[in-house]
Amino acid sequence: MFGFSLSALSGFCLLLVLISSALFLAMSSEGKYSSVDFEIFGDVQGVCFRMYTEDQGKKLGVNGWVKNTRQGTVIGQVQGPRDKVDEMKHWLRHVGSPSSRIDRAEFTNERDISKLELRGFSTRY
């Protein structure tokens, strides 16, 4: 009727399935991690904020670092699966250490990454 043989049509369908599978795998592995920098403002120094941040990062299984600044803030970076990075952002914005007072949390340089650039979670000095 259309001039296609059944075997040619089957081969074409198989090729489409293979191409679709390859595209899906390429898209799903791209940007499978998230990375974000943060700065926390408020009463966040001298209240074990860095220690609790490091503990929370390890508990969630994200990678990153945390550090005090001379301006009285705490800065750092978090990397990991997007849902875990989002959990860490929520913790940094709303929880912190028991004695801290978080006035503001800024998140910058948020991006998708294909592989983790940091290993573990540590405090920097």
PDB file of N, CA and C in Angstrom:
ATOM      1  N   MET A   1       0.822  -1.198   0.000  1.00  0.00           N
ATOM      2  CA  MET A   1       0.000   0.000   0.000  1.00  0.00           C
ATOM      3  C   MET A   1       0.866   1.262   0.000  1.00  0.00           C
ATOM      4  N   PHE A   2       1.854   1.364   0.945  1.00  0.00           N
ATOM      5  CA  PHE A   2       2.724   2.530   0.989  1.00  0.00           C
ATOM      6  C   PHE A   2       4.110   2.229   0.430  1.00  0.00           C
ATOM      7  N   GLY A   3       4.397   1.026   0.049  1.00  0.00           N
ATOM      8  CA  GLY A   3       5.691   0.689  -0.528  1.00  0.00           C
ATOM      9  C   GLY A   3       6.754   0.363   0.499  1.00  0.00           C
ATOM     10  N   PHE A   4       6.396   0.187   1.778  1.00  0.00           N
ATOM     11  CA  PHE A   4       7.349  -0.189   2.823  1.00  0.00           C
ATOM     12  C   PHE A   4       7.222  -1.674   3.102  1.00  0.00           C
ATOM     13  N   SER A   5       8.342  -2.333   3.249  1.00  0.00           N
ATOM     14  CA  SER A   5       8.275  -3.731   3.674  1.00  0.00           C
ATOM     15  C   SER A   5       8.155  -3.775   5.189  1.00  0.00           C
ATOM     16  N   LEU A   6       7.612  -4.850   5.699  1.00  0.00           N
ATOM     17  CA  LEU A   6       7.440  -5.000   7.142  1.00  0.00           C
ATOM     18  C   LEU A   6       8.779  -4.968   7.869  1.00  0.00           C
ATOM     19  N   SER A   7       9.800  -5.577   7.296  1.00  0.00           N
ATOM     20  CA  SER A   7      11.115  -5.595   7.956  1.00  0.00           C
ATOM     21  C   SER A   7      11.739  -4.204   7.964  1.00  0.00           C
ATOM     22  N   ALA A   8      11.544  -3.417   6.917  1.00  0.00           N
ATOM     23  CA  ALA A   8      12.074  -2.050   6.891  1.00  0.00           C
ATOM     24  C   ALA A   8      11.369  -1.188   7.936  1.00  0.00           C
ATOM     25  N   LEU A   9      10.056  -1.368   8.032  1.00  0.00           N
ATOM     26  CA  LEU A   9       9.285  -0.616   9.019  1.00  0.00           C
ATOM     27  C   LEU A   9       9.691  -1.005  10.437  1.00  0.00           C
ATOM     28  N   SER A  10       9.904  -2.299  10.686  1.00  0.00           N
ATOM     29  CA  SER A  10      10.350  -2.762  12.006  1.00  0.00           C
ATOM     30  C   SER A  10      11.722  -2.198  12.342  1.00  0.00           C
ATOM     31  N   GLY A  11      12.617  -2.191  11.357  1.00  0.00           N
ATOM     32  CA  GLY A  11      13.956  -1.625  11.570  1.00  0.00           C
ATOM     33  C   GLY A  11      13.897  -0.145  11.902  1.00  0.00           C
ATOM     34  N   PHE A  12      13.016   0.578  11.212  1.00  0.00           N
ATOM     35  CA  PHE A  12      12.851   2.010  11.461  1.00  0.00           C
ATOM     36  C   PHE A  12      12.310   2.253  12.871  1.00  0.00           C
ATOM     37  N   CYS A  13      11.334   1.460  13.289  1.00  0.00           N
ATOM     38  CA  CYS A  13      10.768   1.587  14.641  1.00  0.00           C
ATOM     39  C   CYS A  13      11.832   1.298  15.703  1.00  0.00           C
ATOM     40  N   LEU A  14      12.623   0.269  15.471  1.00  0.00           N
ATOM     41  CA  LEU A  14      13.698  -0.067  16.401  1.00  0.00           C
ATOM     42  C   LEU A  14      14.703   1.082  16.506  1.00  0.00           C
ATOM     43  N   LEU A  15      15.036   1.682  15.380  1.00  0.00           N
ATOM     44  CA  LEU A  15      15.961   2.812  15.363  1.00  0.00           C
ATOM     45  C   LEU A  15      15.390   3.987  16.161  1.00  0.00           C
ATOM     46  N   LEU A  16      14.100   4.265  15.995  1.00  0.00           N
ATOM     47  CA  LEU A  16      13.465   5.345  16.757  1.00  0.00           C
ATOM     48  C   LEU A  16      13.506   5.077  18.256  1.00  0.00           C
ATOM     49  N   VAL A  17      13.258   3.842  18.652  1.00  0.00           N
ATOM     50  CA  VAL A  17      13.303   3.471  20.065  1.00  0.00           C
ATOM     51  C   VAL A  17      14.715   3.663  20.609  1.00  0.00           C
ATOM     52  N   LEU A  18      15.717   3.244  19.865  1.00  0.00           N
ATOM     53  CA  LEU A  18      17.111   3.386  20.318  1.00  0.00           C
ATOM     54  C   LEU A  18      17.513   4.850  20.442  1.00  0.00           C
ATOM     55  N   ILE A  19      17.125   5.659  19.468  1.00  0.00           N
ATOM     56  CA  ILE A  19      17.447   7.091  19.520  1.00  0.00           C
ATOM     57  C   ILE A  19      16.739   7.750  20.703  1.00  0.00           C
ATOM     58  N   SER A  20      15.472   7.429  20.902  1.00  0.00           N
ATOM     59  CA  SER A  20      14.726   7.997  22.026  1.00  0.00           C
ATOM     60  C   SER A  20      15.345   7.605  23.358  1.00  0.00           C
ATOM     61  N   SER A  21      15.763   6.358  23.490  1.00  0.00           N
ATOM     62  CA  SER A  21      16.396   5.888  24.728  1.00  0.00           C
ATOM     63  C   SER A  21      17.705   6.613  24.982  1.00  0.00           C
ATOM     64  N   ALA A  22      18.498   6.785  23.937  1.00  0.00           N
ATOM     65  CA  ALA A  22      19.782   7.478  24.079  1.00  0.00           C
ATOM     66  C   ALA A  22      19.569   8.927  24.494  1.00  0.00           C
ATOM     67  N   LEU A  23      18.587   9.594  23.895  1.00  0.00           N
ATOM     68  CA  LEU A  23      18.299  10.986  24.263  1.00  0.00           C
ATOM     69  C   LEU A  23      17.819  11.087  25.702  1.00  0.00           C
ATOM     70  N   PHE A  24      16.963  10.171  26.128  1.00  0.00           N
ATOM     71  CA  PHE A  24      16.464  10.176  27.497  1.00  0.00           C
ATOM     72  C   PHE A  24      17.610  10.002  28.480  1.00  0.00           C
ATOM     73  N   LEU A  25      18.505   9.060  28.231  1.00  0.00           N
ATOM     74  CA  LEU A  25      19.639   8.835  29.128  1.00  0.00           C
ATOM     75  C   LEU A  25      20.553  10.046  29.180  1.00  0.00           C
ATOM     76  N   ALA A  26      20.795  10.664  28.036  1.00  0.00           N
ATOM     77  CA  ALA A  26      21.660  11.846  27.995  1.00  0.00           C
ATOM     78  C   ALA A  26      21.046  12.992  28.775  1.00  0.00           C
ATOM     79  N   MET A  27      19.728  13.179  28.629  1.00  0.00           N
ATOM     80  CA  MET A  27      19.063  14.275  29.328  1.00  0.00           C
ATOM     81  C   MET A  27      18.949  14.008  30.816  1.00  0.00           C
ATOM     82  N   SER A  28      18.736  12.767  31.218  1.00  0.00           N
ATOM     83  CA  SER A  28      18.552  12.478  32.638  1.00  0.00           C
ATOM     84  C   SER A  28      19.872  12.505  33.395  1.00  0.00           C
ATOM     85  N   SER A  29      20.994  12.239  32.741  1.00  0.00           N
ATOM     86  CA  SER A  29      22.280  12.274  33.445  1.00  0.00           C
ATOM     87  C   SER A  29      22.862  13.685  33.474  1.00  0.00           C
ATOM     88  N   GLU A  30      22.371  14.556  32.593  1.00  0.00           N
ATOM     89  CA  GLU A  30      22.856  15.924  32.544  1.00  0.00           C
ATOM     90  C   GLU A  30      22.262  16.708  33.711  1.00  0.00           C
ATOM     91  N   GLY A  31      23.102  17.400  34.483  1.00  0.00           N
ATOM     92  CA  GLY A  31      22.600  18.199  35.577  1.00  0.00           C
ATOM     93  C   GLY A  31      21.936  17.387  36.661  1.00  0.00           C
ATOM     94  N   LYS A  32      22.484  16.222  36.984  1.00  0.00           N
ATOM     95  CA  LYS A  32      21.813  15.396  37.983  1.00  0.00           C
ATOM     96  C   LYS A  32      22.114  15.864  39.404  1.00  0.00           C
ATOM     97  N   TYR A  33      23.026  16.820  39.533  1.00  0.00           N
ATOM     98  CA  TYR A  33      23.336  17.411  40.828  1.00  0.00           C
ATOM     99  C   TYR A  33      23.114  18.914  40.769  1.00  0.00           C
ATOM    100  N   SER A  34      22.998  19.495  41.956  1.00  0.00           N
ATOM    101  CA  SER A  34      22.829  20.938  42.077  1.00  0.00           C
ATOM    102  C   SER A  34      23.946  21.492  42.950  1.00  0.00           C
ATOM    103  N   SER A  35      24.329  22.719  42.681  1.00  0.00           N
ATOM    104  CA  SER A  35      25.339  23.412  43.482  1.00  0.00           C
ATOM    105  C   SER A  35      24.829  24.810  43.790  1.00  0.00           C
ATOM    106  N   VAL A  36      25.034  25.272  45.014  1.00  0.00           N
ATOM    107  CA  VAL A  36      24.603  26.620  45.393  1.00  0.00           C
ATOM    108  C   VAL A  36      25.557  27.182  46.442  1.00  0.00           C
ATOM    109  N   ASP A  37      25.837  28.479  46.332  1.00  0.00           N
ATOM    110  CA  ASP A  37      26.604  29.210  47.341  1.00  0.00           C
ATOM    111  C   ASP A  37      25.608  29.875  48.284  1.00  0.00           C
ATOM    112  N   PHE A  38      26.021  30.058  49.540  1.00  0.00           N
ATOM    113  CA  PHE A  38      25.111  30.698  50.485  1.00  0.00           C
ATOM    114  C   PHE A  38      25.849  31.683  51.377  1.00  0.00           C
ATOM    115  N   GLU A  39      25.083  32.657  51.898  1.00  0.00           N
ATOM    116  CA  GLU A  39      25.560  33.569  52.944  1.00  0.00           C
ATOM    117  C   GLU A  39      24.408  33.762  53.907  1.00  0.00           C
ATOM    118  N   ILE A  40      24.710  33.557  55.202  1.00  0.00           N
ATOM    119  CA  ILE A  40      23.687  33.640  56.241  1.00  0.00           C
ATOM    120  C   ILE A  40      23.980  34.855  57.121  1.00  0.00           C
ATOM    121  N   PHE A  41      22.972  35.678  57.330  1.00  0.00           N
ATOM    122  CA  PHE A  41      23.085  36.912  58.107  1.00  0.00           C
ATOM    123  C   PHE A  41      22.295  36.777  59.399  1.00  0.00           C
ATOM    124  N   GLY A  42      22.758  37.421  60.437  1.00  0.00           N
ATOM    125  CA  GLY A  42      22.078  37.405  61.727  1.00  0.00           C
ATOM    126  C   GLY A  42      23.086  37.122  62.823  1.00  0.00           C
ATOM    127  N   ASP A  43      22.618  36.548  63.913  1.00  0.00           N
ATOM    128  CA  ASP A  43      23.510  36.145  65.009  1.00  0.00           C
ATOM    129  C   ASP A  43      23.933  34.707  64.716  1.00  0.00           C
ATOM    130  N   VAL A  44      24.979  34.571  63.875  1.00  0.00           N
ATOM    131  CA  VAL A  44      25.388  33.254  63.387  1.00  0.00           C
ATOM    132  C   VAL A  44      26.848  32.927  63.683  1.00  0.00           C
ATOM    133  N   GLN A  45      27.535  33.788  64.406  1.00  0.00           N
ATOM    134  CA  GLN A  45      28.906  33.489  64.823  1.00  0.00           C
ATOM    135  C   GLN A  45      28.946  33.395  66.342  1.00  0.00           C
ATOM    136  N   GLY A  46      29.780  32.470  66.831  1.00  0.00           N
ATOM    137  CA  GLY A  46      29.874  32.258  68.271  1.00  0.00           C
ATOM    138  C   GLY A  46      28.704  31.462  68.830  1.00  0.00           C
ATOM    139  N   VAL A  47      27.943  30.817  67.949  1.00  0.00           N
ATOM    140  CA  VAL A  47      26.769  30.043  68.376  1.00  0.00           C
ATOM    141  C   VAL A  47      26.790  28.635  67.765  1.00  0.00           C
ATOM    142  N   CYS A  48      27.972  28.169  67.400  1.00  0.00           N
ATOM    143  CA  CYS A  48      28.178  26.820  66.821  1.00  0.00           C
ATOM    144  C   CYS A  48      27.460  26.620  65.497  1.00  0.00           C
ATOM    145  N   PHE A  49      27.221  27.705  64.757  1.00  0.00           N
ATOM    146  CA  PHE A  49      26.508  27.599  63.487  1.00  0.00           C
ATOM    147  C   PHE A  49      27.260  26.738  62.485  1.00  0.00           C
ATOM    148  N   ARG A  50      28.580  26.934  62.400  1.00  0.00           N
ATOM    149  CA  ARG A  50      29.377  26.141  61.446  1.00  0.00           C
ATOM    150  C   ARG A  50      29.334  24.656  61.794  1.00  0.00           C
ATOM    151  N   MET A  51      29.470  24.336  63.074  1.00  0.00           N
ATOM    152  CA  MET A  51      29.465  22.936  63.497  1.00  0.00           C
ATOM    153  C   MET A  51      28.126  22.270  63.157  1.00  0.00           C
ATOM    154  N   TYR A  52      27.029  22.961  63.458  1.00  0.00           N
ATOM    155  CA  TYR A  52      25.710  22.405  63.159  1.00  0.00           C
ATOM    156  C   TYR A  52      25.479  22.301  61.647  1.00  0.00           C
ATOM    157  N   THR A  53      26.004  23.274  60.898  1.00  0.00           N
ATOM    158  CA  THR A  53      25.875  23.235  59.438  1.00  0.00           C
ATOM    159  C   THR A  53      26.619  22.039  58.872  1.00  0.00           C
ATOM    160  N   GLU A  54      27.836  21.827  59.343  1.00  0.00           N
ATOM    161  CA  GLU A  54      28.618  20.672  58.889  1.00  0.00           C
ATOM    162  C   GLU A  54      27.887  19.367  59.240  1.00  0.00           C
ATOM    163  N   ASP A  55      27.383  19.280  60.467  1.00  0.00           N
ATOM    164  CA  ASP A  55      26.642  18.078  60.890  1.00  0.00           C
ATOM    165  C   ASP A  55      25.404  17.854  60.014  1.00  0.00           C
ATOM    166  N   GLN A  56      24.659  18.912  59.734  1.00  0.00           N
ATOM    167  CA  GLN A  56      23.454  18.793  58.922  1.00  0.00           C
ATOM    168  C   GLN A  56      23.805  18.375  57.493  1.00  0.00           C
ATOM    169  N   GLY A  57      24.875  18.949  56.951  1.00  0.00           N
ATOM    170  CA  GLY A  57      25.316  18.569  55.613  1.00  0.00           C
ATOM    171  C   GLY A  57      25.666  17.091  55.538  1.00  0.00           C
ATOM    172  N   LYS A  58      26.376  16.607  56.546  1.00  0.00           N
ATOM    173  CA  LYS A  58      26.743  15.187  56.581  1.00  0.00           C
ATOM    174  C   LYS A  58      25.504  14.311  56.765  1.00  0.00           C
ATOM    175  N   LYS A  59      24.579  14.751  57.600  1.00  0.00           N
ATOM    176  CA  LYS A  59      23.340  13.997  57.827  1.00  0.00           C
ATOM    177  C   LYS A  59      22.537  13.854  56.530  1.00  0.00           C
ATOM    178  N   LEU A  60      22.475  14.924  55.744  1.00  0.00           N
ATOM    179  CA  LEU A  60      21.728  14.899  54.489  1.00  0.00           C
ATOM    180  C   LEU A  60      22.506  14.221  53.363  1.00  0.00           C
ATOM    181  N   GLY A  61      23.803  14.046  53.563  1.00  0.00           N
ATOM    182  CA  GLY A  61      24.617  13.414  52.528  1.00  0.00           C
ATOM    183  C   GLY A  61      25.008  14.351  51.395  1.00  0.00           C
ATOM    184  N   VAL A  62      25.036  15.653  51.677  1.00  0.00           N
ATOM    185  CA  VAL A  62      25.483  16.613  50.666  1.00  0.00           C
ATOM    186  C   VAL A  62      26.953  16.939  50.897  1.00  0.00           C
ATOM    187  N   ASN A  63      27.582  17.488  49.890  1.00  0.00           N
ATOM    188  CA  ASN A  63      28.979  17.906  49.982  1.00  0.00           C
ATOM    189  C   ASN A  63      29.027  19.415  50.079  1.00  0.00           C
ATOM    190  N   GLY A  64      30.105  19.930  50.671  1.00  0.00           N
ATOM    191  CA  GLY A  64      30.243  21.374  50.735  1.00  0.00           C
ATOM    192  C   GLY A  64      31.185  21.835  51.809  1.00  0.00           C
ATOM    193  N   TRP A  65      31.068  23.107  52.125  1.00  0.00           N
ATOM    194  CA  TRP A  65      31.912  23.718  53.147  1.00  0.00           C
ATOM    195  C   TRP A  65      31.174  24.908  53.752  1.00  0.00           C
ATOM    196  N   VAL A  66      31.667  25.332  54.917  1.00  0.00           N
ATOM    197  CA  VAL A  66      31.090  26.464  55.638  1.00  0.00           C
ATOM    198  C   VAL A  66      32.231  27.241  56.281  1.00  0.00           C
ATOM    199  N   LYS A  67      32.069  28.574  56.386  1.00  0.00           N
ATOM    200  CA  LYS A  67      33.155  29.417  56.900  1.00  0.00           C
ATOM    201  C   LYS A  67      32.585  30.721  57.464  1.00  0.00           C
ATOM    202  N   ASN A  68      33.167  31.214  58.553  1.00  0.00           N
ATOM    203  CA  ASN A  68      32.839  32.539  59.081  1.00  0.00           C
ATOM    204  C   ASN A  68      33.491  33.608  58.209  1.00  0.00           C
ATOM    205  N   THR A  69      32.846  34.781  58.146  1.00  0.00           N
ATOM    206  CA  THR A  69      33.451  35.921  57.456  1.00  0.00           C
ATOM    207  C   THR A  69      33.824  36.992  58.475  1.00  0.00           C
ATOM    208  N   ARG A  70      34.628  37.933  58.058  1.00  0.00           N
ATOM    209  CA  ARG A  70      35.002  39.063  58.929  1.00  0.00           C
ATOM    210  C   ARG A  70      33.828  40.007  59.156  1.00  0.00           C
ATOM    211  N   GLN A  71      32.821  39.909  58.299  1.00  0.00           N
ATOM    212  CA  GLN A  71      31.641  40.784  58.403  1.00  0.00           C
ATOM    213  C   GLN A  71      30.596  40.224  59.366  1.00  0.00           C
ATOM    214  N   GLY A  72      30.857  39.060  59.973  1.00  0.00           N
ATOM    215  CA  GLY A  72      29.921  38.487  60.941  1.00  0.00           C
ATOM    216  C   GLY A  72      28.889  37.559  60.335  1.00  0.00           C
ATOM    217  N   THR A  73      29.060  37.219  59.052  1.00  0.00           N
ATOM    218  CA  THR A  73      28.141  36.289  58.407  1.00  0.00           C
ATOM    219  C   THR A  73      28.804  34.919  58.299  1.00  0.00           C
ATOM    220  N   VAL A  74      28.062  33.969  57.785  1.00  0.00           N
ATOM    221  CA  VAL A  74      28.590  32.633  57.500  1.00  0.00           C
ATOM    222  C   VAL A  74      28.362  32.376  56.016  1.00  0.00           C
ATOM    223  N   ILE A  75      29.413  31.933  55.323  1.00  0.00           N
ATOM    224  CA  ILE A  75      29.297  31.623  53.902  1.00  0.00           C
ATOM    225  C   ILE A  75      29.607  30.151  53.666  1.00  0.00           C
ATOM    226  N   GLY A  76      29.261  29.686  52.491  1.00  0.00           N
ATOM    227  CA  GLY A  76      29.593  28.313  52.149  1.00  0.00           C
ATOM    228  C   GLY A  76      29.035  27.904  50.814  1.00  0.00           C
ATOM    229  N   GLN A  77      29.164  26.622  50.552  1.00  0.00           N
ATOM    230  CA  GLN A  77      28.671  26.041  49.313  1.00  0.00           C
ATOM    231  C   GLN A  77      28.119  24.653  49.615  1.00  0.00           C
ATOM    232  N   VAL A  78      27.058  24.285  48.908  1.00  0.00           N
ATOM    233  CA  VAL A  78      26.437  22.970  49.064  1.00  0.00           C
ATOM    234  C   VAL A  78      26.285  22.357  47.675  1.00  0.00           C
ATOM    235  N   GLN A  79      26.614  21.066  47.561  1.00  0.00           N
ATOM    236  CA  GLN A  79      26.433  20.322  46.318  1.00  0.00           C
ATOM    237  C   GLN A  79      25.821  18.962  46.622  1.00  0.00           C
ATOM    238  N   GLY A  80      24.969  18.502  45.734  1.00  0.00           N
ATOM    239  CA  GLY A  80      24.373  17.184  45.893  1.00  0.00           C
ATOM    240  C   GLY A  80      23.122  17.065  45.060  1.00  0.00           C
ATOM    241  N   PRO A  81      22.349  16.004  45.273  1.00  0.00           N
ATOM    242  CA  PRO A  81      21.069  15.874  44.571  1.00  0.00           C
ATOM    243  C   PRO A  81      20.176  17.066  44.900  1.00  0.00           C
ATOM    244  N   ARG A  82      19.433  17.530  43.912  1.00  0.00           N
ATOM    245  CA  ARG A  82      18.631  18.760  44.074  1.00  0.00           C
ATOM    246  C   ARG A  82      17.736  18.718  45.309  1.00  0.00           C
ATOM    247  N   ASP A  83      17.069  17.591  45.574  1.00  0.00           N
ATOM    248  CA  ASP A  83      16.156  17.545  46.721  1.00  0.00           C
ATOM    249  C   ASP A  83      16.913  17.703  48.038  1.00  0.00           C
ATOM    250  N   LYS A  84      18.115  17.154  48.134  1.00  0.00           N
ATOM    251  CA  LYS A  84      18.913  17.278  49.357  1.00  0.00           C
ATOM    252  C   LYS A  84      19.473  18.691  49.500  1.00  0.00           C
ATOM    253  N   VAL A  85      19.873  19.301  48.386  1.00  0.00           N
ATOM    254  CA  VAL A  85      20.349  20.692  48.429  1.00  0.00           C
ATOM    255  C   VAL A  85      19.198  21.600  48.863  1.00  0.00           C
ATOM    256  N   ASP A  86      17.999  21.335  48.367  1.00  0.00           N
ATOM    257  CA  ASP A  86      16.832  22.134  48.782  1.00  0.00           C
ATOM    258  C   ASP A  86      16.546  21.958  50.270  1.00  0.00           C
ATOM    259  N   GLU A  87      16.706  20.746  50.787  1.00  0.00           N
ATOM    260  CA  GLU A  87      16.529  20.518  52.229  1.00  0.00           C
ATOM    261  C   GLU A  87      17.559  21.310  53.028  1.00  0.00           C
ATOM    262  N   MET A  88      18.799  21.335  52.535  1.00  0.00           N
ATOM    263  CA  MET A  88      19.865  22.071  53.224  1.00  0.00           C
ATOM    264  C   MET A  88      19.581  23.570  53.175  1.00  0.00           C
ATOM    265  N   LYS A  89      19.088  24.071  52.048  1.00  0.00           N
ATOM    266  CA  LYS A  89      18.737  25.490  51.944  1.00  0.00           C
ATOM    267  C   LYS A  89      17.645  25.845  52.958  1.00  0.00           C
ATOM    268  N   HIS A  90      16.650  24.986  53.079  1.00  0.00           N
ATOM    269  CA  HIS A  90      15.584  25.221  54.057  1.00  0.00           C
ATOM    270  C   HIS A  90      16.169  25.269  55.473  1.00  0.00           C
ATOM    271  N   TRP A  91      17.057  24.332  55.792  1.00  0.00           N
ATOM    272  CA  TRP A  91      17.675  24.286  57.113  1.00  0.00           C
ATOM    273  C   TRP A  91      18.481  25.558  57.371  1.00  0.00           C
ATOM    274  N   LEU A  92      19.252  25.988  56.381  1.00  0.00           N
ATOM    275  CA  LEU A  92      20.071  27.208  56.534  1.00  0.00           C
ATOM    276  C   LEU A  92      19.198  28.449  56.704  1.00  0.00           C
ATOM    277  N   ARG A  93      18.076  28.496  56.042  1.00  0.00           N
ATOM    278  CA  ARG A  93      17.190  29.668  56.082  1.00  0.00           C
ATOM    279  C   ARG A  93      16.334  29.713  57.342  1.00  0.00           C
ATOM    280  N   HIS A  94      15.913  28.526  57.853  1.00  0.00           N
ATOM    281  CA  HIS A  94      14.904  28.509  58.907  1.00  0.00           C
ATOM    282  C   HIS A  94      15.317  27.842  60.214  1.00  0.00           C
ATOM    283  N   VAL A  95      16.396  27.068  60.243  1.00  0.00           N
ATOM    284  CA  VAL A  95      16.722  26.294  61.440  1.00  0.00           C
ATOM    285  C   VAL A  95      18.045  26.755  62.050  1.00  0.00           C
ATOM    286  N   GLY A  96      19.153  26.417  61.424  1.00  0.00           N
ATOM    287  CA  GLY A  96      20.465  26.796  61.951  1.00  0.00           C
ATOM    288  C   GLY A  96      20.776  26.110  63.265  1.00  0.00           C
ATOM    289  N   SER A  97      21.728  26.670  63.993  1.00  0.00           N
ATOM    290  CA  SER A  97      22.067  26.099  65.304  1.00  0.00           C
ATOM    291  C   SER A  97      21.052  26.588  66.338  1.00  0.00           C
ATOM    292  N   PRO A  98      20.914  25.845  67.444  1.00  0.00           N
ATOM    293  CA  PRO A  98      19.897  26.210  68.450  1.00  0.00           C
ATOM    294  C   PRO A  98      20.014  27.638  68.990  1.00  0.00           C
ATOM    295  N   SER A  99      21.236  28.153  69.125  1.00  0.00           N
ATOM    296  CA  SER A  99      21.417  29.493  69.699  1.00  0.00           C
ATOM    297  C   SER A  99      21.491  30.594  68.649  1.00  0.00           C
ATOM    298  N   SER A 100      21.396  30.245  67.380  1.00  0.00           N
ATOM    299  CA  SER A 100      21.531  31.263  66.331  1.00  0.00           C
ATOM    300  C   SER A 100      20.218  32.017  66.118  1.00  0.00           C
ATOM    301  N   ARG A 101      20.350  33.162  65.464  1.00  0.00           N
ATOM    302  CA  ARG A 101      19.195  33.929  64.995  1.00  0.00           C
ATOM    303  C   ARG A 101      19.457  34.251  63.531  1.00  0.00           C
ATOM    304  N   ILE A 102      18.684  33.681  62.657  1.00  0.00           N
ATOM    305  CA  ILE A 102      18.878  33.884  61.222  1.00  0.00           C
ATOM    306  C   ILE A 102      17.976  35.024  60.765  1.00  0.00           C
ATOM    307  N   ASP A 103      18.600  36.114  60.323  1.00  0.00           N
ATOM    308  CA  ASP A 103      17.841  37.254  59.811  1.00  0.00           C
ATOM    309  C   ASP A 103      17.567  37.105  58.314  1.00  0.00           C
ATOM    310  N   ARG A 104      18.553  36.593  57.593  1.00  0.00           N
ATOM    311  CA  ARG A 104      18.431  36.501  56.137  1.00  0.00           C
ATOM    312  C   ARG A 104      19.380  35.438  55.612  1.00  0.00           C
ATOM    313  N   ALA A 105      18.950  34.728  54.598  1.00  0.00           N
ATOM    314  CA  ALA A 105      19.809  33.755  53.917  1.00  0.00           C
ATOM    315  C   ALA A 105      19.796  34.088  52.428  1.00  0.00           C
ATOM    316  N   GLU A 106      20.980  34.266  51.864  1.00  0.00           N
ATOM    317  CA  GLU A 106      21.098  34.547  50.428  1.00  0.00           C
ATOM    318  C   GLU A 106      21.716  33.343  49.740  1.00  0.00           C
ATOM    319  N   PHE A 107      21.108  32.933  48.634  1.00  0.00           N
ATOM    320  CA  PHE A 107      21.603  31.810  47.844  1.00  0.00           C
ATOM    321  C   PHE A 107      21.928  32.325  46.446  1.00  0.00           C
ATOM    322  N   THR A 108      23.158  32.106  46.013  1.00  0.00           N
ATOM    323  CA  THR A 108      23.615  32.616  44.724  1.00  0.00           C
ATOM    324  C   THR A 108      24.328  31.511  43.947  1.00  0.00           C
ATOM    325  N   ASN A 109      24.572  31.800  42.694  1.00  0.00           N
ATOM    326  CA  ASN A 109      25.326  30.896  41.825  1.00  0.00           C
ATOM    327  C   ASN A 109      24.722  29.490  41.804  1.00  0.00           C
ATOM    328  N   GLU A 110      23.395  29.410  41.869  1.00  0.00           N
ATOM    329  CA  GLU A 110      22.743  28.099  41.844  1.00  0.00           C
ATOM    330  C   GLU A 110      22.801  27.561  40.424  1.00  0.00           C
ATOM    331  N   ARG A 111      23.244  26.309  40.302  1.00  0.00           N
ATOM    332  CA  ARG A 111      23.419  25.738  38.967  1.00  0.00           C
ATOM    333  C   ARG A 111      23.335  24.220  39.023  1.00  0.00           C
ATOM    334  N   ASP A 112      23.023  23.636  37.880  1.00  0.00           N
ATOM    335  CA  ASP A 112      23.050  22.187  37.739  1.00  0.00           C
ATOM    336  C   ASP A 112      24.467  21.779  37.379  1.00  0.00           C
ATOM    337  N   ILE A 113      24.930  20.691  37.949  1.00  0.00           N
ATOM    338  CA  ILE A 113      26.250  20.159  37.632  1.00  0.00           C
ATOM    339  C   ILE A 113      26.104  18.669  37.327  1.00  0.00           C
ATOM    340  N   SER A 114      26.961  18.176  36.462  1.00  0.00           N
ATOM    341  CA  SER A 114      26.866  16.766  36.076  1.00  0.00           C
ATOM    342  C   SER A 114      27.634  15.860  37.028  1.00  0.00           C
ATOM    343  N   LYS A 115      28.634  16.428  37.731  1.00  0.00           N
ATOM    344  CA  LYS A 115      29.361  15.637  38.731  1.00  0.00           C
ATOM    345  C   LYS A 115      29.739  16.537  39.893  1.00  0.00           C
ATOM    346  N   LEU A 116      29.884  15.934  41.061  1.00  0.00           N
ATOM    347  CA  LEU A 116      30.215  16.694  42.262  1.00  0.00           C
ATOM    348  C   LEU A 116      31.635  17.220  42.169  1.00  0.00           C
ATOM    349  N   GLU A 117      31.814  18.472  42.563  1.00  0.00           N
ATOM    350  CA  GLU A 117      33.129  19.114  42.523  1.00  0.00           C
ATOM    351  C   GLU A 117      33.798  19.119  43.898  1.00  0.00           C
ATOM    352  N   LEU A 118      33.036  18.805  44.932  1.00  0.00           N
ATOM    353  CA  LEU A 118      33.537  18.780  46.303  1.00  0.00           C
ATOM    354  C   LEU A 118      33.333  17.398  46.891  1.00  0.00           C
ATOM    355  N   ARG A 119      34.145  17.062  47.881  1.00  0.00           N
ATOM    356  CA  ARG A 119      34.017  15.764  48.545  1.00  0.00           C
ATOM    357  C   ARG A 119      33.826  15.993  50.036  1.00  0.00           C
ATOM    358  N   GLY A 120      32.755  15.430  50.582  1.00  0.00           N
ATOM    359  CA  GLY A 120      32.489  15.569  52.010  1.00  0.00           C
ATOM    360  C   GLY A 120      31.979  16.956  52.362  1.00  0.00           C
ATOM    361  N   PHE A 121      31.791  17.195  53.654  1.00  0.00           N
ATOM    362  CA  PHE A 121      31.354  18.518  54.131  1.00  0.00           C
ATOM    363  C   PHE A 121      32.306  18.933  55.235  1.00  0.00           C
ATOM    364  N   SER A 122      32.882  20.144  55.115  1.00  0.00           N
ATOM    365  CA  SER A 122      33.901  20.553  56.071  1.00  0.00           C
ATOM    366  C   SER A 122      33.734  22.020  56.463  1.00  0.00           C
ATOM    367  N   THR A 123      34.406  22.354  57.564  1.00  0.00           N
ATOM    368  CA  THR A 123      34.489  23.741  58.017  1.00  0.00           C
ATOM    369  C   THR A 123      35.813  24.291  57.556  1.00  0.00           C
ATOM    370  N   ARG A 124      35.761  25.468  56.935  1.00  0.00           N
ATOM    371  CA  ARG A 124      36.980  26.157  56.494  1.00  0.00           C
ATOM    372  C   ARG A 124      37.287  27.284  57.452  1.00  0.00           C
ATOM    373  N   TYR A 125      38.572  27.609  57.564  1.00  0.00           N
ATOM    374  CA  TYR A 125      39.013  28.685  58.471  1.00  0.00           C
ATOM    375  C   TYR A 125      39.725  29.779  57.732  1.00  0.00           C
TER     376      TYR A 125
END
